[in-house]
PDB file of N, CA and C in Angstrom:
ATOM      1  N   MET A   1     -24.872  16.767  11.611  1.00  0.00           N
ATOM      2  CA  MET A   1     -24.417  17.942  10.895  1.00  0.00           C
ATOM      3  C   MET A   1     -23.211  17.552  10.039  1.00  0.00           C
ATOM      4  N   PRO A   2     -23.270  17.768   8.734  1.00  0.00           N
ATOM      5  CA  PRO A   2     -22.148  17.393   7.863  1.00  0.00           C
ATOM      6  C   PRO A   2     -20.934  18.268   8.128  1.00  0.00           C
ATOM      7  N   THR A   3     -19.777  17.662   8.021  1.00  0.00           N
ATOM      8  CA  THR A   3     -18.539  18.401   8.215  1.00  0.00           C
ATOM      9  C   THR A   3     -17.979  18.808   6.857  1.00  0.00           C
ATOM     10  N   ALA A   4     -17.321  19.945   6.833  1.00  0.00           N
ATOM     11  CA  ALA A   4     -16.714  20.426   5.597  1.00  0.00           C
ATOM     12  C   ALA A   4     -15.451  19.611   5.313  1.00  0.00           C
ATOM     13  N   VAL A   5     -15.249  19.296   4.070  1.00  0.00           N
ATOM     14  CA  VAL A   5     -14.070  18.539   3.665  1.00  0.00           C
ATOM     15  C   VAL A   5     -12.987  19.528   3.254  1.00  0.00           C
ATOM     16  N   ASN A   6     -11.839  19.392   3.862  1.00  0.00           N
ATOM     17  CA  ASN A   6     -10.725  20.268   3.534  1.00  0.00           C
ATOM     18  C   ASN A   6      -9.891  19.572   2.457  1.00  0.00           C
ATOM     19  N   TYR A   7     -10.213  19.876   1.203  1.00  0.00           N
ATOM     20  CA  TYR A   7      -9.554  19.202   0.084  1.00  0.00           C
ATOM     21  C   TYR A   7      -8.071  19.530  -0.004  1.00  0.00           C
ATOM     22  N   ALA A   8      -7.693  20.727   0.398  1.00  0.00           N
ATOM     23  CA  ALA A   8      -6.269  21.082   0.385  1.00  0.00           C
ATOM     24  C   ALA A   8      -5.504  20.208   1.370  1.00  0.00           C
ATOM     25  N   LEU A   9      -6.104  19.953   2.536  1.00  0.00           N
ATOM     26  CA  LEU A   9      -5.457  19.096   3.533  1.00  0.00           C
ATOM     27  C   LEU A   9      -5.378  17.655   3.026  1.00  0.00           C
ATOM     28  N   LEU A  10      -6.459  17.174   2.406  1.00  0.00           N
ATOM     29  CA  LEU A  10      -6.443  15.821   1.850  1.00  0.00           C
ATOM     30  C   LEU A  10      -5.389  15.685   0.758  1.00  0.00           C
ATOM     31  N   GLU A  11      -5.286  16.683  -0.097  1.00  0.00           N
ATOM     32  CA  GLU A  11      -4.288  16.650  -1.171  1.00  0.00           C
ATOM     33  C   GLU A  11      -2.874  16.652  -0.592  1.00  0.00           C
ATOM     34  N   SER A  12      -2.678  17.436   0.460  1.00  0.00           N
ATOM     35  CA  SER A  12      -1.373  17.487   1.113  1.00  0.00           C
ATOM     36  C   SER A  12      -1.021  16.133   1.731  1.00  0.00           C
ATOM     37  N   ALA A  13      -1.989  15.511   2.386  1.00  0.00           N
ATOM     38  CA  ALA A  13      -1.756  14.197   2.991  1.00  0.00           C
ATOM     39  C   ALA A  13      -1.460  13.158   1.920  1.00  0.00           C
ATOM     40  N   PHE A  14      -2.214  13.190   0.831  1.00  0.00           N
ATOM     41  CA  PHE A  14      -1.998  12.246  -0.260  1.00  0.00           C
ATOM     42  C   PHE A  14      -0.593  12.406  -0.847  1.00  0.00           C
ATOM     43  N   THR A  15      -0.175  13.657  -1.036  1.00  0.00           N
ATOM     44  CA  THR A  15       1.161  13.925  -1.559  1.00  0.00           C
ATOM     45  C   THR A  15       2.231  13.383  -0.609  1.00  0.00           C
ATOM     46  N   ALA A  16       2.025  13.559   0.699  1.00  0.00           N
ATOM     47  CA  ALA A  16       2.984  13.051   1.686  1.00  0.00           C
ATOM     48  C   ALA A  16       3.048  11.526   1.641  1.00  0.00           C
ATOM     49  N   PHE A  17       1.897  10.864   1.532  1.00  0.00           N
ATOM     50  CA  PHE A  17       1.883   9.403   1.457  1.00  0.00           C
ATOM     51  C   PHE A  17       2.559   8.901   0.185  1.00  0.00           C
ATOM     52  N   GLU A  18       2.344   9.579  -0.918  1.00  0.00           N
ATOM     53  CA  GLU A  18       3.000   9.190  -2.169  1.00  0.00           C
ATOM     54  C   GLU A  18       4.515   9.323  -2.044  1.00  0.00           C
ATOM     55  N   ALA A  19       4.969  10.403  -1.428  1.00  0.00           N
ATOM     56  CA  ALA A  19       6.410  10.597  -1.234  1.00  0.00           C
ATOM     57  C   ALA A  19       6.977   9.512  -0.324  1.00  0.00           C
ATOM     58  N   ALA A  20       6.240   9.167   0.720  1.00  0.00           N
ATOM     59  CA  ALA A  20       6.701   8.120   1.636  1.00  0.00           C
ATOM     60  C   ALA A  20       6.772   6.776   0.922  1.00  0.00           C
ATOM     61  N   LYS A  21       5.794   6.489   0.069  1.00  0.00           N
ATOM     62  CA  LYS A  21       5.805   5.220  -0.672  1.00  0.00           C
ATOM     63  C   LYS A  21       7.003   5.159  -1.615  1.00  0.00           C
ATOM     64  N   LYS A  22       7.340   6.285  -2.259  1.00  0.00           N
ATOM     65  CA  LYS A  22       8.514   6.309  -3.138  1.00  0.00           C
ATOM     66  C   LYS A  22       9.788   6.060  -2.345  1.00  0.00           C
ATOM     67  N   LEU A  23       9.890   6.686  -1.163  1.00  0.00           N
ATOM     68  CA  LEU A  23      11.067   6.467  -0.319  1.00  0.00           C
ATOM     69  C   LEU A  23      11.148   5.016   0.138  1.00  0.00           C
ATOM     70  N   LEU A  24      10.024   4.433   0.497  1.00  0.00           N
ATOM     71  CA  LEU A  24      10.013   3.039   0.919  1.00  0.00           C
ATOM     72  C   LEU A  24      10.429   2.121  -0.217  1.00  0.00           C
ATOM     73  N   THR A  25       9.951   2.400  -1.416  1.00  0.00           N
ATOM     74  CA  THR A  25      10.322   1.594  -2.581  1.00  0.00           C
ATOM     75  C   THR A  25      11.819   1.686  -2.839  1.00  0.00           C
ATOM     76  N   THR A  26      12.369   2.884  -2.724  1.00  0.00           N
ATOM     77  CA  THR A  26      13.807   3.072  -2.908  1.00  0.00           C
ATOM     78  C   THR A  26      14.592   2.324  -1.830  1.00  0.00           C
ATOM     79  N   ALA A  27      14.115   2.391  -0.589  1.00  0.00           N
ATOM     80  CA  ALA A  27      14.791   1.698   0.510  1.00  0.00           C
ATOM     81  C   ALA A  27      14.736   0.190   0.314  1.00  0.00           C
ATOM     82  N   GLN A  28      13.586  -0.318  -0.152  1.00  0.00           N
ATOM     83  CA  GLN A  28      13.457  -1.759  -0.380  1.00  0.00           C
ATOM     84  C   GLN A  28      14.421  -2.234  -1.456  1.00  0.00           C
ATOM     85  N   ALA A  29      14.629  -1.425  -2.475  1.00  0.00           N
ATOM     86  CA  ALA A  29      15.539  -1.813  -3.547  1.00  0.00           C
ATOM     87  C   ALA A  29      16.973  -1.861  -3.042  1.00  0.00           C
ATOM     88  N   ALA A  30      17.293  -1.032  -2.059  1.00  0.00           N
ATOM     89  CA  ALA A  30      18.655  -0.987  -1.541  1.00  0.00           C
ATOM     90  C   ALA A  30      18.956  -2.144  -0.591  1.00  0.00           C
ATOM     91  N   VAL A  31      17.941  -2.742  -0.019  1.00  0.00           N
ATOM     92  CA  VAL A  31      18.129  -3.837   0.932  1.00  0.00           C
ATOM     93  C   VAL A  31      18.227  -5.144   0.147  1.00  0.00           C
ATOM     94  N   SER A  32      19.060  -6.039   0.608  1.00  0.00           N
ATOM     95  CA  SER A  32      19.208  -7.306  -0.095  1.00  0.00           C
ATOM     96  C   SER A  32      17.890  -8.088  -0.083  1.00  0.00           C
ATOM     97  N   LEU A  33      17.717  -9.003  -1.033  1.00  0.00           N
ATOM     98  CA  LEU A  33      16.461  -9.718  -1.211  1.00  0.00           C
ATOM     99  C   LEU A  33      16.007 -10.471   0.030  1.00  0.00           C
ATOM    100  N   GLU A  34      16.908 -11.109   0.735  1.00  0.00           N
ATOM    101  CA  GLU A  34      16.489 -11.899   1.892  1.00  0.00           C
ATOM    102  C   GLU A  34      16.063 -11.033   3.073  1.00  0.00           C
ATOM    103  N   ASN A  35      16.405  -9.747   3.050  1.00  0.00           N
ATOM    104  CA  ASN A  35      16.045  -8.855   4.149  1.00  0.00           C
ATOM    105  C   ASN A  35      15.009  -7.811   3.761  1.00  0.00           C
ATOM    106  N   GLN A  36      14.371  -7.964   2.625  1.00  0.00           N
ATOM    107  CA  GLN A  36      13.409  -6.953   2.184  1.00  0.00           C
ATOM    108  C   GLN A  36      12.174  -6.927   3.056  1.00  0.00           C
ATOM    109  N   PHE A  37      11.591  -5.741   3.133  1.00  0.00           N
ATOM    110  CA  PHE A  37      10.341  -5.562   3.857  1.00  0.00           C
ATOM    111  C   PHE A  37       9.208  -6.165   3.044  1.00  0.00           C
ATOM    112  N   LYS A  38       8.180  -6.586   3.724  1.00  0.00           N
ATOM    113  CA  LYS A  38       7.012  -7.144   3.052  1.00  0.00           C
ATOM    114  C   LYS A  38       5.873  -6.134   3.143  1.00  0.00           C
ATOM    115  N   ASP A  39       5.152  -5.952   2.048  1.00  0.00           N
ATOM    116  CA  ASP A  39       3.981  -5.086   2.034  1.00  0.00           C
ATOM    117  C   ASP A  39       2.799  -5.926   2.498  1.00  0.00           C
ATOM    118  N   THR A  40       2.425  -5.776   3.760  1.00  0.00           N
ATOM    119  CA  THR A  40       1.398  -6.638   4.340  1.00  0.00           C
ATOM    120  C   THR A  40       0.049  -6.450   3.666  1.00  0.00           C
ATOM    121  N   ARG A  41      -0.242  -5.240   3.181  1.00  0.00           N
ATOM    122  CA  ARG A  41      -1.516  -5.022   2.490  1.00  0.00           C
ATOM    123  C   ARG A  41      -1.558  -5.820   1.195  1.00  0.00           C
ATOM    124  N   GLU A  42      -0.459  -5.815   0.460  1.00  0.00           N
ATOM    125  CA  GLU A  42      -0.406  -6.553  -0.805  1.00  0.00           C
ATOM    126  C   GLU A  42      -0.523  -8.056  -0.551  1.00  0.00           C
ATOM    127  N   ILE A  43       0.135  -8.538   0.480  1.00  0.00           N
ATOM    128  CA  ILE A  43       0.063  -9.959   0.822  1.00  0.00           C
ATOM    129  C   ILE A  43      -1.363 -10.326   1.212  1.00  0.00           C
ATOM    130  N   ALA A  44      -2.020  -9.476   2.005  1.00  0.00           N
ATOM    131  CA  ALA A  44      -3.391  -9.755   2.437  1.00  0.00           C
ATOM    132  C   ALA A  44      -4.341  -9.798   1.246  1.00  0.00           C
ATOM    133  N   VAL A  45      -4.180  -8.890   0.305  1.00  0.00           N
ATOM    134  CA  VAL A  45      -5.039  -8.876  -0.886  1.00  0.00           C
ATOM    135  C   VAL A  45      -4.832 -10.149  -1.694  1.00  0.00           C
ATOM    136  N   THR A  46      -3.586 -10.557  -1.860  1.00  0.00           N
ATOM    137  CA  THR A  46      -3.288 -11.777  -2.621  1.00  0.00           C
ATOM    138  C   THR A  46      -3.893 -12.998  -1.948  1.00  0.00           C
ATOM    139  N   LEU A  47      -3.726 -13.094  -0.623  1.00  0.00           N
ATOM    140  CA  LEU A  47      -4.291 -14.231   0.095  1.00  0.00           C
ATOM    141  C   LEU A  47      -5.815 -14.230   0.037  1.00  0.00           C
ATOM    142  N   ASP A  48      -6.431 -13.051   0.140  1.00  0.00           N
ATOM    143  CA  ASP A  48      -7.885 -12.963   0.032  1.00  0.00           C
ATOM    144  C   ASP A  48      -8.362 -13.416  -1.337  1.00  0.00           C
ATOM    145  N   CYS A  49      -7.624 -13.065  -2.377  1.00  0.00           N
ATOM    146  CA  CYS A  49      -8.009 -13.490  -3.724  1.00  0.00           C
ATOM    147  C   CYS A  49      -8.009 -15.009  -3.833  1.00  0.00           C
ATOM    148  N   PHE A  50      -6.999 -15.643  -3.259  1.00  0.00           N
ATOM    149  CA  PHE A  50      -6.940 -17.096  -3.327  1.00  0.00           C
ATOM    150  C   PHE A  50      -7.999 -17.741  -2.432  1.00  0.00           C
ATOM    151  N   ALA A  51      -8.315 -17.087  -1.312  1.00  0.00           N
ATOM    152  CA  ALA A  51      -9.277 -17.667  -0.377  1.00  0.00           C
ATOM    153  C   ALA A  51     -10.724 -17.497  -0.843  1.00  0.00           C
ATOM    154  N   TYR A  52     -11.034 -16.349  -1.443  1.00  0.00           N
ATOM    155  CA  TYR A  52     -12.427 -16.023  -1.716  1.00  0.00           C
ATOM    156  C   TYR A  52     -12.793 -15.960  -3.198  1.00  0.00           C
ATOM    157  N   ASP A  53     -11.832 -16.086  -4.093  1.00  0.00           N
ATOM    158  CA  ASP A  53     -12.114 -16.015  -5.532  1.00  0.00           C
ATOM    159  C   ASP A  53     -11.970 -17.414  -6.114  1.00  0.00           C
ATOM    160  N   PRO A  54     -13.084 -18.127  -6.302  1.00  0.00           N
ATOM    161  CA  PRO A  54     -12.996 -19.512  -6.777  1.00  0.00           C
ATOM    162  C   PRO A  54     -12.343 -19.663  -8.150  1.00  0.00           C
ATOM    163  N   SER A  55     -12.371 -18.627  -8.960  1.00  0.00           N
ATOM    164  CA  SER A  55     -11.797 -18.747 -10.290  1.00  0.00           C
ATOM    165  C   SER A  55     -10.272 -18.816 -10.249  1.00  0.00           C
ATOM    166  N   ARG A  56      -9.647 -18.393  -9.136  1.00  0.00           N
ATOM    167  CA  ARG A  56      -8.196 -18.435  -9.019  1.00  0.00           C
ATOM    168  C   ARG A  56      -7.701 -19.743  -8.431  1.00  0.00           C
ATOM    169  N   GLN A  57      -8.610 -20.544  -7.913  1.00  0.00           N
ATOM    170  CA  GLN A  57      -8.185 -21.796  -7.307  1.00  0.00           C
ATOM    171  C   GLN A  57      -8.143 -22.896  -8.355  1.00  0.00           C
ATOM    172  N   GLU A  58      -7.284 -23.856  -8.132  1.00  0.00           N
ATOM    173  CA  GLU A  58      -7.135 -24.958  -9.083  1.00  0.00           C
ATOM    174  C   GLU A  58      -8.221 -25.993  -8.878  1.00  0.00           C
TER     175      GLU A  58
END
């Protein structure tokens, strides 16, 4: 049985995540370079590109 999608709830969650990302970006800028947080998703995507995309390898 298909479930109804609550688009208002999804939009609210998306807005909350966007606000959290902005706060995290602001916090990262305030922290010195050697102590900055790492975005593990971004690192994983970059490593996957080098591992699985032959055109990026030397």
